Protein backbone atom coordinates (compact mmCIF):
# COMPACT_ATOMS: atom_id res chain seq x y z
CA MET A 1 29.85 8.78 -17.62
CA LEU A 2 26.85 10.80 -18.23
CA ARG A 3 26.82 14.32 -16.17
CA ILE A 4 23.78 15.95 -15.06
CA THR A 5 23.82 19.74 -14.49
CA HIS A 6 22.59 20.98 -11.27
CA SER A 7 19.60 22.86 -13.02
CA GLU A 8 18.80 19.33 -14.80
CA ARG A 9 18.72 17.60 -11.41
CA VAL A 10 16.33 19.93 -10.28
CA ALA A 11 14.17 19.57 -13.05
CA ILE A 12 13.88 15.96 -12.83
CA GLY A 13 13.01 16.25 -9.36
CA GLU A 14 10.34 18.76 -10.24
CA ALA A 15 8.76 16.24 -12.67
CA ILE A 16 8.75 13.69 -10.21
CA GLU A 17 7.00 15.85 -7.55
CA GLN A 18 4.43 16.76 -10.34
CA GLU A 19 3.78 13.24 -11.18
CA LEU A 20 3.24 12.22 -7.21
CA GLU A 21 1.17 15.23 -6.70
CA GLY A 22 -2.06 14.97 -5.19
CA ARG A 23 -1.09 11.41 -3.54
CA VAL A 24 -2.76 10.59 -0.15
CA GLY A 25 -2.09 7.56 2.31
CA ARG A 26 -2.01 4.18 0.88
CA PRO A 27 -3.89 2.41 -1.91
CA ALA A 28 -6.87 0.40 -0.51
CA ALA A 29 -6.03 -3.22 0.89
CA GLU A 30 -9.27 -4.38 -1.23
CA THR A 31 -7.39 -3.56 -4.36
CA LYS A 32 -7.28 -6.74 -6.60
CA GLU A 33 -4.48 -5.69 -8.94
CA ASN A 34 -0.72 -6.41 -8.07
CA PHE A 35 1.05 -3.21 -7.84
CA PRO A 36 4.59 -2.82 -7.39
CA GLU A 37 5.55 -1.57 -3.59
CA PHE A 38 3.91 1.89 -3.02
CA PRO A 39 6.76 4.40 -2.14
CA GLN A 40 6.76 5.52 1.37
CA GLY A 41 7.95 9.06 2.48
CA GLN A 42 7.02 12.74 1.60
CA THR A 43 6.99 13.56 -1.82
CA ARG A 44 9.83 16.06 -1.50
CA ASP A 45 12.07 13.26 -0.24
CA LEU A 46 11.14 10.84 -2.89
CA ALA A 47 11.85 13.39 -5.56
CA ALA A 48 15.19 14.50 -3.94
CA LYS A 49 16.43 10.80 -3.70
CA ALA A 50 15.43 9.90 -7.60
CA ALA A 51 17.05 13.41 -8.62
CA GLY A 52 20.29 12.50 -6.87
CA PHE A 53 19.87 14.67 -3.72
CA GLY A 54 20.91 13.83 -0.38
CA ASN A 55 17.92 14.44 1.06
CA GLY A 56 14.27 16.69 0.75
CA LYS A 57 16.17 19.68 2.46
CA THR A 58 19.01 19.71 0.09
CA TYR A 59 16.79 19.39 -2.98
CA GLU A 60 14.52 22.42 -1.56
CA GLN A 61 17.91 24.78 -1.08
CA ALA A 62 19.12 23.48 -4.67
CA LYS A 63 15.51 24.82 -6.09
CA LYS A 64 15.81 28.32 -5.05
CA PRO A 65 19.33 29.26 -6.94
CA ALA A 66 17.94 27.42 -10.20
CA LYS A 67 14.40 29.49 -9.76
CA GLU A 68 16.43 32.76 -9.92
CA ASN A 69 18.53 31.91 -13.16
């Protein structure tokens, strides 16, 4: 089983936050391309879920000690 450390999970979450940074609203309805489902929710919550944290608040709390090390 793959074991990911606490600081690695925070790093994953931060990378996802950077990728999602600047997104505003939904894509235009007139978009002709067939894109996958647009992720809904706050960036913090999406990054938290992908990194394996329960919610965005827990992820924010986890980032503080990781930054101190």
